[in-house]
Full PDB file with SEQRES, HELIX, SHEET, SSBOND, CRYST1, ORIGX, SCALE, CONECT and MASTER records, all heavy atoms in Angstrom:
SEQRES   1 A   40  PRO HIS LYS LYS GLU GLU ALA ILE GLN HIS LEU GLY ALA          
SEQRES   2 A   40  ASP SER PHE LEU LEU SER ARG ASP GLN ASP LEU MET HIS          
SEQRES   3 A   40  GLY ALA LYS GLU SER LEU ASP GLY ILE ILE ASP THR ILE          
SEQRES   4 A   40  SER                                                          
HELIX    1 AA1 LYS A    3  GLU A    5  1                                   3    
HELIX    2 AA2 GLU A    6  HIS A   10  3                                   5    
HELIX    3 AA3 GLN A   22  GLY A   27  1                                   6    
CRYST1    1.000    1.000    1.000  90.00  90.00  90.00 P 1           1          
ORIGX1      1.000000  0.000000  0.000000        0.00000                         
ORIGX2      0.000000  1.000000  0.000000        0.00000                         
ORIGX3      0.000000  0.000000  1.000000        0.00000                         
SCALE1      1.000000  0.000000  0.000000        0.00000                         
SCALE2      0.000000  1.000000  0.000000        0.00000                         
SCALE3      0.000000  0.000000  1.000000        0.00000                         
ATOM      1  N   PRO A   1      39.482 128.115  79.276  1.00  0.00           N  
ATOM      2  CA  PRO A   1      38.271 128.901  79.422  1.00  0.00           C  
ATOM      3  C   PRO A   1      38.408 130.314  78.797  1.00  0.00           C  
ATOM      4  O   PRO A   1      37.439 130.885  78.347  1.00  0.00           O  
ATOM      5  CB  PRO A   1      38.043 129.017  80.938  1.00  0.00           C  
ATOM      6  CG  PRO A   1      39.309 128.579  81.555  1.00  0.00           C  
ATOM      7  CD  PRO A   1      40.055 127.736  80.566  1.00  0.00           C  
ATOM      8  N   HIS A   2      39.620 130.844  78.757  1.00  0.00           N  
ATOM      9  CA  HIS A   2      39.835 132.206  78.251  1.00  0.00           C  
ATOM     10  C   HIS A   2      39.608 132.252  76.720  1.00  0.00           C  
ATOM     11  O   HIS A   2      39.538 133.353  76.158  1.00  0.00           O  
ATOM     12  CB  HIS A   2      41.237 132.725  78.617  1.00  0.00           C  
ATOM     13  CG  HIS A   2      42.354 132.013  77.927  1.00  0.00           C  
ATOM     14  ND1 HIS A   2      42.898 130.865  78.417  1.00  0.00           N  
ATOM     15  CD2 HIS A   2      43.005 132.339  76.790  1.00  0.00           C  
ATOM     16  CE1 HIS A   2      43.856 130.482  77.610  1.00  0.00           C  
ATOM     17  NE2 HIS A   2      43.952 131.375  76.615  1.00  0.00           N  
ATOM     18  N   LYS A   3      39.468 131.110  76.047  1.00  0.00           N  
ATOM     19  CA  LYS A   3      39.237 131.118  74.598  1.00  0.00           C  
ATOM     20  C   LYS A   3      37.761 131.232  74.226  1.00  0.00           C  
ATOM     21  O   LYS A   3      37.460 131.374  73.069  1.00  0.00           O  
ATOM     22  CB  LYS A   3      39.861 129.881  73.981  1.00  0.00           C  
ATOM     23  CG  LYS A   3      41.390 129.899  74.048  1.00  0.00           C  
ATOM     24  CD  LYS A   3      42.015 128.794  73.246  1.00  0.00           C  
ATOM     25  CE  LYS A   3      43.519 128.904  73.282  1.00  0.00           C  
ATOM     26  NZ  LYS A   3      44.151 127.868  72.478  1.00  0.00           N  
ATOM     27  N   LYS A   4      36.885 131.190  75.236  1.00  0.00           N  
ATOM     28  CA  LYS A   4      35.432 131.269  74.935  1.00  0.00           C  
ATOM     29  C   LYS A   4      35.055 132.541  74.201  1.00  0.00           C  
ATOM     30  O   LYS A   4      34.402 132.546  73.188  1.00  0.00           O  
ATOM     31  CB  LYS A   4      34.629 131.129  76.223  1.00  0.00           C  
ATOM     32  CG  LYS A   4      33.147 131.192  76.010  1.00  0.00           C  
ATOM     33  CD  LYS A   4      32.347 130.984  77.271  1.00  0.00           C  
ATOM     34  CE  LYS A   4      30.853 130.991  76.976  1.00  0.00           C  
ATOM     35  NZ  LYS A   4      30.086 130.714  78.216  1.00  0.00           N  
ATOM     36  N   GLU A   5      35.496 133.692  74.780  1.00  0.00           N  
ATOM     37  CA  GLU A   5      35.175 134.958  74.159  1.00  0.00           C  
ATOM     38  C   GLU A   5      35.696 135.065  72.741  1.00  0.00           C  
ATOM     39  O   GLU A   5      35.015 135.520  71.818  1.00  0.00           O  
ATOM     40  CB  GLU A   5      35.673 136.113  75.032  1.00  0.00           C  
ATOM     41  CG  GLU A   5      35.251 137.485  74.472  1.00  0.00           C  
ATOM     42  CD  GLU A   5      35.706 138.625  75.352  1.00  0.00           C  
ATOM     43  OE1 GLU A   5      36.008 138.410  76.551  1.00  0.00           O  
ATOM     44  OE2 GLU A   5      35.770 139.763  74.826  1.00  0.00           O  
ATOM     45  N   GLU A   6      36.921 134.635  72.559  1.00  0.00           N  
ATOM     46  CA  GLU A   6      37.556 134.662  71.220  1.00  0.00           C  
ATOM     47  C   GLU A   6      36.749 133.791  70.244  1.00  0.00           C  
ATOM     48  O   GLU A   6      36.499 134.216  69.131  1.00  0.00           O  
ATOM     49  CB  GLU A   6      38.985 134.129  71.313  1.00  0.00           C  
ATOM     50  CG  GLU A   6      39.717 134.045  69.998  1.00  0.00           C  
ATOM     51  CD  GLU A   6      40.176 135.389  69.455  1.00  0.00           C  
ATOM     52  OE1 GLU A   6      40.123 136.409  70.174  1.00  0.00           O  
ATOM     53  OE2 GLU A   6      40.568 135.444  68.298  1.00  0.00           O  
ATOM     54  N   ALA A   7      36.373 132.592  70.674  1.00  0.00           N  
ATOM     55  CA  ALA A   7      35.633 131.657  69.810  1.00  0.00           C  
ATOM     56  C   ALA A   7      34.291 132.237  69.370  1.00  0.00           C  
ATOM     57  O   ALA A   7      33.931 132.163  68.195  1.00  0.00           O  
ATOM     58  CB  ALA A   7      35.393 130.340  70.534  1.00  0.00           C  
ATOM     59  N   ILE A   8      33.581 132.828  70.319  1.00  0.00           N  
ATOM     60  CA  ILE A   8      32.203 133.310  70.007  1.00  0.00           C  
ATOM     61  C   ILE A   8      32.220 134.696  69.414  1.00  0.00           C  
ATOM     62  O   ILE A   8      31.610 134.946  68.380  1.00  0.00           O  
ATOM     63  CB  ILE A   8      31.346 133.206  71.265  1.00  0.00           C  
ATOM     64  CG1 ILE A   8      31.158 131.715  71.664  1.00  0.00           C  
ATOM     65  CG2 ILE A   8      30.001 133.904  71.066  1.00  0.00           C  
ATOM     66  CD1 ILE A   8      30.453 131.480  72.964  1.00  0.00           C  
ATOM     67  N   GLN A   9      32.915 135.632  70.051  1.00  0.00           N  
ATOM     68  CA  GLN A   9      32.891 137.033  69.619  1.00  0.00           C  
ATOM     69  C   GLN A   9      33.691 137.298  68.335  1.00  0.00           C  
ATOM     70  O   GLN A   9      33.215 137.954  67.435  1.00  0.00           O  
ATOM     71  CB  GLN A   9      33.394 137.956  70.726  1.00  0.00           C  
ATOM     72  CG  GLN A   9      32.617 137.899  71.992  1.00  0.00           C  
ATOM     73  CD  GLN A   9      31.163 138.296  71.811  1.00  0.00           C  
ATOM     74  OE1 GLN A   9      30.844 139.211  71.054  1.00  0.00           O  
ATOM     75  NE2 GLN A   9      30.265 137.642  72.537  1.00  0.00           N  
ATOM     76  N   HIS A  10      34.886 136.751  68.278  1.00  0.00           N  
ATOM     77  CA  HIS A  10      35.768 137.020  67.122  1.00  0.00           C  
ATOM     78  C   HIS A  10      35.542 136.071  65.956  1.00  0.00           C  
ATOM     79  O   HIS A  10      35.495 136.494  64.827  1.00  0.00           O  
ATOM     80  CB  HIS A  10      37.225 137.040  67.575  1.00  0.00           C  
ATOM     81  CG  HIS A  10      38.196 137.260  66.465  1.00  0.00           C  
ATOM     82  ND1 HIS A  10      38.328 138.483  65.806  1.00  0.00           N  
ATOM     83  CD2 HIS A  10      39.050 136.425  65.828  1.00  0.00           C  
ATOM     84  CE1 HIS A  10      39.205 138.389  64.863  1.00  0.00           C  
ATOM     85  NE2 HIS A  10      39.710 137.164  64.885  1.00  0.00           N  
ATOM     86  N   LEU A  11      35.417 134.767  66.255  1.00  0.00           N  
ATOM     87  CA  LEU A  11      35.371 133.782  65.200  1.00  0.00           C  
ATOM     88  C   LEU A  11      33.926 133.412  64.821  1.00  0.00           C  
ATOM     89  O   LEU A  11      33.726 132.757  63.836  1.00  0.00           O  
ATOM     90  CB  LEU A  11      36.175 132.543  65.583  1.00  0.00           C  
ATOM     91  CG  LEU A  11      37.666 132.800  65.808  1.00  0.00           C  
ATOM     92  CD1 LEU A  11      38.331 131.566  66.321  1.00  0.00           C  
ATOM     93  CD2 LEU A  11      38.328 133.260  64.471  1.00  0.00           C  
ATOM     94  N   GLY A  12      32.970 133.754  65.628  1.00  0.00           N  
ATOM     95  CA  GLY A  12      31.579 133.511  65.288  1.00  0.00           C  
ATOM     96  C   GLY A  12      31.053 132.122  65.674  1.00  0.00           C  
ATOM     97  O   GLY A  12      29.982 131.718  65.139  1.00  0.00           O  
ATOM     98  N   ALA A  13      31.750 131.400  66.538  1.00  0.00           N  
ATOM     99  CA  ALA A  13      31.224 130.105  66.956  1.00  0.00           C  
ATOM    100  C   ALA A  13      29.899 130.301  67.660  1.00  0.00           C  
ATOM    101  O   ALA A  13      29.641 131.362  68.255  1.00  0.00           O  
ATOM    102  CB  ALA A  13      32.238 129.432  67.902  1.00  0.00           C  
ATOM    103  N   ASP A  14      29.031 129.301  67.555  1.00  0.00           N  
ATOM    104  CA  ASP A  14      27.703 129.389  68.167  1.00  0.00           C  
ATOM    105  C   ASP A  14      27.746 129.016  69.650  1.00  0.00           C  
ATOM    106  O   ASP A  14      26.892 129.501  70.408  1.00  0.00           O  
ATOM    107  CB  ASP A  14      26.737 128.466  67.431  1.00  0.00           C  
ATOM    108  CG  ASP A  14      26.620 128.891  65.966  1.00  0.00           C  
ATOM    109  OD1 ASP A  14      25.953 129.876  65.695  1.00  0.00           O  
ATOM    110  OD2 ASP A  14      27.210 128.213  65.112  1.00  0.00           O  
ATOM    111  N   SER A  15      28.668 128.158  70.018  1.00  0.00           N  
ATOM    112  CA  SER A  15      28.743 127.763  71.411  1.00  0.00           C  
ATOM    113  C   SER A  15      30.189 127.312  71.757  1.00  0.00           C  
ATOM    114  O   SER A  15      30.998 127.155  70.867  1.00  0.00           O  
ATOM    115  CB  SER A  15      27.756 126.656  71.733  1.00  0.00           C  
ATOM    116  OG  SER A  15      27.976 125.546  70.923  1.00  0.00           O  
ATOM    117  N   PHE A  16      30.426 127.142  73.017  1.00  0.00           N  
ATOM    118  CA  PHE A  16      31.742 126.817  73.536  1.00  0.00           C  
ATOM    119  C   PHE A  16      31.588 125.768  74.632  1.00  0.00           C  
ATOM    120  O   PHE A  16      30.732 125.915  75.507  1.00  0.00           O  
ATOM    121  CB  PHE A  16      32.421 128.091  74.077  1.00  0.00           C  
ATOM    122  CG  PHE A  16      33.796 127.894  74.604  1.00  0.00           C  
ATOM    123  CD1 PHE A  16      34.898 127.995  73.756  1.00  0.00           C  
ATOM    124  CD2 PHE A  16      34.027 127.539  75.945  1.00  0.00           C  
ATOM    125  CE1 PHE A  16      36.191 127.823  74.246  1.00  0.00           C  
ATOM    126  CE2 PHE A  16      35.315 127.382  76.442  1.00  0.00           C  
ATOM    127  CZ  PHE A  16      36.397 127.495  75.566  1.00  0.00           C  
ATOM    128  N   LEU A  17      32.416 124.735  74.562  1.00  0.00           N  
ATOM    129  CA  LEU A  17      32.421 123.728  75.642  1.00  0.00           C  
ATOM    130  C   LEU A  17      33.796 123.695  76.226  1.00  0.00           C  
ATOM    131  O   LEU A  17      34.803 123.535  75.577  1.00  0.00           O  
ATOM    132  CB  LEU A  17      32.161 122.326  75.032  1.00  0.00           C  
ATOM    133  CG  LEU A  17      30.720 121.935  74.774  1.00  0.00           C  
ATOM    134  CD1 LEU A  17      30.679 120.572  74.100  1.00  0.00           C  
ATOM    135  CD2 LEU A  17      29.948 121.917  76.083  1.00  0.00           C  
ATOM    136  N   LEU A  18      33.868 123.861  77.562  1.00  0.00           N  
ATOM    137  CA  LEU A  18      35.084 123.706  78.280  1.00  0.00           C  
ATOM    138  C   LEU A  18      35.247 122.226  78.596  1.00  0.00           C  
ATOM    139  O   LEU A  18      34.503 121.667  79.393  1.00  0.00           O  
ATOM    140  CB  LEU A  18      35.045 124.564  79.567  1.00  0.00           C  
ATOM    141  CG  LEU A  18      36.318 124.546  80.402  1.00  0.00           C  
ATOM    142  CD1 LEU A  18      37.491 125.159  79.645  1.00  0.00           C  
ATOM    143  CD2 LEU A  18      36.069 125.332  81.698  1.00  0.00           C  
ATOM    144  N   SER A  19      36.216 121.589  77.919  1.00  0.00           N  
ATOM    145  CA  SER A  19      36.331 120.129  78.042  1.00  0.00           C  
ATOM    146  C   SER A  19      36.722 119.660  79.407  1.00  0.00           C  
ATOM    147  O   SER A  19      36.526 118.470  79.732  1.00  0.00           O  
ATOM    148  CB  SER A  19      37.326 119.606  76.994  1.00  0.00           C  
ATOM    149  OG  SER A  19      38.610 120.165  77.189  1.00  0.00           O  
ATOM    150  N   ARG A  20      37.222 120.543  80.250  1.00  0.00           N  
ATOM    151  CA  ARG A  20      37.567 120.152  81.636  1.00  0.00           C  
ATOM    152  C   ARG A  20      36.340 120.154  82.560  1.00  0.00           C  
ATOM    153  O   ARG A  20      36.440 119.714  83.690  1.00  0.00           O  
ATOM    154  CB  ARG A  20      38.617 121.131  82.189  1.00  0.00           C  
ATOM    155  CG  ARG A  20      39.905 121.029  81.449  1.00  0.00           C  
ATOM    156  CD  ARG A  20      40.888 122.065  81.970  1.00  0.00           C  
ATOM    157  NE  ARG A  20      41.976 122.204  81.052  1.00  0.00           N  
ATOM    158  CZ  ARG A  20      43.267 122.107  81.407  1.00  0.00           C  
ATOM    159  NH1 ARG A  20      43.595 121.843  82.645  1.00  0.00           N  
ATOM    160  NH2 ARG A  20      44.214 122.249  80.519  1.00  0.00           N  
ATOM    161  N   ASP A  21      35.234 120.719  82.071  1.00  0.00           N  
ATOM    162  CA  ASP A  21      33.998 120.799  82.901  1.00  0.00           C  
ATOM    163  C   ASP A  21      33.142 119.571  82.583  1.00  0.00           C  
ATOM    164  O   ASP A  21      32.456 119.524  81.552  1.00  0.00           O  
ATOM    165  CB  ASP A  21      33.250 122.090  82.594  1.00  0.00           C  
ATOM    166  CG  ASP A  21      32.080 122.318  83.476  1.00  0.00           C  
ATOM    167  OD1 ASP A  21      31.384 121.324  83.849  1.00  0.00           O  
ATOM    168  OD2 ASP A  21      31.780 123.473  83.775  1.00  0.00           O  
ATOM    169  N   GLN A  22      33.188 118.605  83.468  1.00  0.00           N  
ATOM    170  CA  GLN A  22      32.471 117.340  83.233  1.00  0.00           C  
ATOM    171  C   GLN A  22      30.969 117.531  83.104  1.00  0.00           C  
ATOM    172  O   GLN A  22      30.315 116.817  82.322  1.00  0.00           O  
ATOM    173  CB  GLN A  22      32.807 116.335  84.359  1.00  0.00           C  
ATOM    174  CG  GLN A  22      34.293 115.944  84.421  1.00  0.00           C  
ATOM    175  CD  GLN A  22      34.802 115.376  83.092  1.00  0.00           C  
ATOM    176  OE1 GLN A  22      34.163 114.578  82.468  1.00  0.00           O  
ATOM    177  NE2 GLN A  22      35.959 115.877  82.685  1.00  0.00           N  
ATOM    178  N   ASP A  23      30.408 118.469  83.862  1.00  0.00           N  
ATOM    179  CA  ASP A  23      28.963 118.718  83.754  1.00  0.00           C  
ATOM    180  C   ASP A  23      28.590 119.263  82.422  1.00  0.00           C  
ATOM    181  O   ASP A  23      27.578 118.836  81.799  1.00  0.00           O  
ATOM    182  CB  ASP A  23      28.495 119.668  84.880  1.00  0.00           C  
ATOM    183  CG  ASP A  23      28.612 119.075  86.273  1.00  0.00           C  
ATOM    184  OD1 ASP A  23      28.548 117.814  86.395  1.00  0.00           O  
ATOM    185  OD2 ASP A  23      28.722 119.840  87.242  1.00  0.00           O  
ATOM    186  N   LEU A  24      29.354 120.205  81.889  1.00  0.00           N  
ATOM    187  CA  LEU A  24      29.105 120.735  80.561  1.00  0.00           C  
ATOM    188  C   LEU A  24      29.226 119.653  79.480  1.00  0.00           C  
ATOM    189  O   LEU A  24      28.384 119.567  78.564  1.00  0.00           O  
ATOM    190  CB  LEU A  24      30.088 121.898  80.221  1.00  0.00           C  
ATOM    191  CG  LEU A  24      29.808 123.239  80.854  1.00  0.00           C  
ATOM    192  CD1 LEU A  24      30.905 124.224  80.473  1.00  0.00           C  
ATOM    193  CD2 LEU A  24      28.467 123.775  80.423  1.00  0.00           C  
ATOM    194  N   MET A  25      30.286 118.867  79.596  1.00  0.00           N  
ATOM    195  CA  MET A  25      30.507 117.810  78.619  1.00  0.00           C  
ATOM    196  C   MET A  25      29.403 116.761  78.659  1.00  0.00           C  
ATOM    197  O   MET A  25      28.917 116.327  77.617  1.00  0.00           O  
ATOM    198  CB  MET A  25      31.898 117.143  78.839  1.00  0.00           C  
ATOM    199  CG  MET A  25      33.095 118.034  78.578  1.00  0.00           C  
ATOM    200  SD  MET A  25      33.262 118.514  76.858  1.00  0.00           S  
ATOM    201  CE  MET A  25      33.941 117.030  76.188  1.00  0.00           C  
ATOM    202  N   HIS A  26      28.938 116.428  79.858  1.00  0.00           N  
ATOM    203  CA  HIS A  26      27.886 115.473  79.995  1.00  0.00           C  
ATOM    204  C   HIS A  26      26.563 116.028  79.393  1.00  0.00           C  
ATOM    205  O   HIS A  26      25.795 115.350  78.737  1.00  0.00           O  
ATOM    206  CB  HIS A  26      27.681 115.047  81.448  1.00  0.00           C  
ATOM    207  CG  HIS A  26      26.615 113.991  81.610  1.00  0.00           C  
ATOM    208  ND1 HIS A  26      26.830 112.679  81.228  1.00  0.00           N  
ATOM    209  CD2 HIS A  26      25.353 114.081  82.089  1.00  0.00           C  
ATOM    210  CE1 HIS A  26      25.723 111.994  81.470  1.00  0.00           C  
ATOM    211  NE2 HIS A  26      24.811 112.820  81.964  1.00  0.00           N  
ATOM    212  N   GLY A  27      26.333 117.331  79.633  1.00  0.00           N  
ATOM    213  CA  GLY A  27      25.143 117.969  79.106  1.00  0.00           C  
ATOM    214  C   GLY A  27      25.109 118.055  77.603  1.00  0.00           C  
ATOM    215  O   GLY A  27      24.042 118.188  76.981  1.00  0.00           O  
ATOM    216  N   ALA A  28      26.297 118.010  76.965  1.00  0.00           N  
ATOM    217  CA  ALA A  28      26.397 118.116  75.515  1.00  0.00           C  
ATOM    218  C   ALA A  28      26.522 116.729  74.873  1.00  0.00           C  
ATOM    219  O   ALA A  28      26.762 116.602  73.657  1.00  0.00           O  
ATOM    220  CB  ALA A  28      27.581 118.966  75.126  1.00  0.00           C  
ATOM    221  N   LYS A  29      26.405 115.698  75.684  1.00  0.00           N  
ATOM    222  CA  LYS A  29      26.563 114.301  75.168  1.00  0.00           C  
ATOM    223  C   LYS A  29      25.647 114.064  73.950  1.00  0.00           C  
ATOM    224  O   LYS A  29      24.497 114.456  73.957  1.00  0.00           O  
ATOM    225  CB  LYS A  29      26.261 113.310  76.293  1.00  0.00           C  
ATOM    226  CG  LYS A  29      26.595 111.876  75.962  1.00  0.00           C  
ATOM    227  CD  LYS A  29      26.391 110.981  77.165  1.00  0.00           C  
ATOM    228  CE  LYS A  29      26.726 109.568  76.782  1.00  0.00           C  
ATOM    229  NZ  LYS A  29      26.520 108.646  77.876  1.00  0.00           N  
ATOM    230  N   GLU A  30      26.221 113.413  72.916  1.00  0.00           N  
ATOM    231  CA  GLU A  30      25.519 113.050  71.718  1.00  0.00           C  
ATOM    232  C   GLU A  30      24.806 114.215  71.039  1.00  0.00           C  
ATOM    233  O   GLU A  30      23.716 114.090  70.547  1.00  0.00           O  
ATOM    234  CB  GLU A  30      24.567 111.905  72.001  1.00  0.00           C  
ATOM    235  CG  GLU A  30      25.231 110.645  72.490  1.00  0.00           C  
ATOM    236  CD  GLU A  30      24.287 109.511  72.787  1.00  0.00           C  
ATOM    237  OE1 GLU A  30      23.060 109.664  72.687  1.00  0.00           O  
ATOM    238  OE2 GLU A  30      24.812 108.448  73.168  1.00  0.00           O  
ATOM    239  N   SER A  31      25.482 115.346  71.018  1.00  0.00           N  
ATOM    240  CA  SER A  31      24.880 116.568  70.423  1.00  0.00           C  
ATOM    241  C   SER A  31      25.516 117.010  69.105  1.00  0.00           C  
ATOM    242  O   SER A  31      24.955 117.905  68.412  1.00  0.00           O  
ATOM    243  CB  SER A  31      24.935 117.721  71.441  1.00  0.00           C  
ATOM    244  OG  SER A  31      26.295 118.125  71.663  1.00  0.00           O  
ATOM    245  N   LEU A  32      26.620 116.430  68.722  1.00  0.00           N  
ATOM    246  CA  LEU A  32      27.330 116.879  67.517  1.00  0.00           C  
ATOM    247  C   LEU A  32      27.333 115.839  66.418  1.00  0.00           C  
ATOM    248  O   LEU A  32      27.497 114.649  66.697  1.00  0.00           O  
ATOM    249  CB  LEU A  32      28.790 117.268  67.903  1.00  0.00           C  
ATOM    250  CG  LEU A  32      28.955 118.317  68.967  1.00  0.00           C  
ATOM    251  CD1 LEU A  32      30.455 118.497  69.296  1.00  0.00           C  
ATOM    252  CD2 LEU A  32      28.353 119.624  68.520  1.00  0.00           C  
ATOM    253  N   ASP A  33      27.151 116.304  65.218  1.00  0.00           N  
ATOM    254  CA  ASP A  33      27.224 115.417  64.025  1.00  0.00           C  
ATOM    255  C   ASP A  33      28.659 115.057  63.679  1.00  0.00           C  
ATOM    256  O   ASP A  33      28.903 113.971  63.171  1.00  0.00           O  
ATOM    257  CB  ASP A  33      26.552 116.078  62.814  1.00  0.00           C  
ATOM    258  CG  ASP A  33      25.070 116.320  63.037  1.00  0.00           C  
ATOM    259  OD1 ASP A  33      24.374 115.347  63.336  1.00  0.00           O  
ATOM    260  OD2 ASP A  33      24.627 117.470  62.911  1.00  0.00           O  
ATOM    261  N   GLY A  34      29.553 115.983  63.918  1.00  0.00           N  
ATOM    262  CA  GLY A  34      30.937 115.758  63.555  1.00  0.00           C  
ATOM    263  C   GLY A  34      31.833 116.638  64.376  1.00  0.00           C  
ATOM    264  O   GLY A  34      31.405 117.681  64.902  1.00  0.00           O  
ATOM    265  N   ILE A  35      33.087 116.227  64.472  1.00  0.00           N  
ATOM    266  CA  ILE A  35      34.113 116.966  65.202  1.00  0.00           C  
ATOM    267  C   ILE A  35      35.407 116.961  64.360  1.00  0.00           C  
ATOM    268  O   ILE A  35      35.810 115.905  63.918  1.00  0.00           O  
ATOM    269  CB  ILE A  35      34.394 116.394  66.582  1.00  0.00           C  
ATOM    270  CG1 ILE A  35      33.154 116.425  67.487  1.00  0.00           C  
ATOM    271  CG2 ILE A  35      35.555 117.145  67.257  1.00  0.00           C  
ATOM    272  CD1 ILE A  35      33.318 115.716  68.818  1.00  0.00           C  
ATOM    273  N   ILE A  36      36.004 118.142  64.229  1.00  0.00           N  
ATOM    274  CA  ILE A  36      37.319 118.252  63.607  1.00  0.00           C  
ATOM    275  C   ILE A  36      38.288 118.470  64.792  1.00  0.00           C  
ATOM    276  O   ILE A  36      38.176 119.447  65.546  1.00  0.00           O  
ATOM    277  CB  ILE A  36      37.418 119.404  62.622  1.00  0.00           C  
ATOM    278  CG1 ILE A  36      36.458 119.150  61.467  1.00  0.00           C  
ATOM    279  CG2 ILE A  36      38.850 119.569  62.114  1.00  0.00           C  
ATOM    280  CD1 ILE A  36      36.372 120.317  60.488  1.00  0.00           C  
ATOM    281  N   ASP A  37      39.215 117.554  64.968  1.00  0.00           N  
ATOM    282  CA  ASP A  37      40.178 117.603  66.037  1.00  0.00           C  
ATOM    283  C   ASP A  37      41.494 118.120  65.479  1.00  0.00           C  
ATOM    284  O   ASP A  37      42.191 117.424  64.715  1.00  0.00           O  
ATOM    285  CB  ASP A  37      40.364 116.193  66.639  1.00  0.00           C  
ATOM    286  CG  ASP A  37      41.224 116.152  67.882  1.00  0.00           C  
ATOM    287  OD1 ASP A  37      42.075 117.081  68.021  1.00  0.00           O  
ATOM    288  OD2 ASP A  37      41.076 115.208  68.646  1.00  0.00           O  
ATOM    289  N   THR A  38      41.888 119.337  65.872  1.00  0.00           N  
ATOM    290  CA  THR A  38      43.087 119.987  65.366  1.00  0.00           C  
ATOM    291  C   THR A  38      44.243 119.913  66.308  1.00  0.00           C  
ATOM    292  O   THR A  38      45.272 120.507  66.026  1.00  0.00           O  
ATOM    293  CB  THR A  38      42.762 121.453  65.006  1.00  0.00           C  
ATOM    294  OG1 THR A  38      42.564 122.175  66.253  1.00  0.00           O  
ATOM    295  CG2 THR A  38      41.579 121.628  64.110  1.00  0.00           C  
ATOM    296  N   ILE A  39      44.083 119.221  67.414  1.00  0.00           N  
ATOM    297  CA  ILE A  39      45.135 119.211  68.459  1.00  0.00           C  
ATOM    298  C   ILE A  39      46.323 118.324  68.085  1.00  0.00           C  
ATOM    299  O   ILE A  39      46.116 117.184  67.679  1.00  0.00           O  
ATOM    300  CB  ILE A  39      44.525 118.753  69.794  1.00  0.00           C  
ATOM    301  CG1 ILE A  39      43.422 119.711  70.219  1.00  0.00           C  
ATOM    302  CG2 ILE A  39      45.621 118.691  70.862  1.00  0.00           C  
ATOM    303  CD1 ILE A  39      42.678 119.261  71.459  1.00  0.00           C  
ATOM    304  N   SER A  40      47.498 118.867  68.219  1.00  0.00           N  
ATOM    305  CA  SER A  40      48.702 118.086  67.868  1.00  0.00           C  
ATOM    306  C   SER A  40      49.440 117.594  69.123  1.00  0.00           C  
ATOM    307  O   SER A  40      50.598 117.191  69.049  1.00  0.00           O  
ATOM    308  CB  SER A  40      49.653 118.980  67.047  1.00  0.00           C  
ATOM    309  OG  SER A  40      49.109 119.175  65.755  1.00  0.00           O  
TER     310      SER A  40                                                      
MASTER        0    0    0    3    0    0    0    6  309    1    0    4          
END                                                                             
């Protein structure tokens, strides 16, 4: 959750989803055209 401010304020992201928050994830269901997964 501490990366939200960095994502939006510094990097210019339009929105932020906390993947541990099931309600947020459910609310964003089928909302993205594509995802780049950078996690190793």
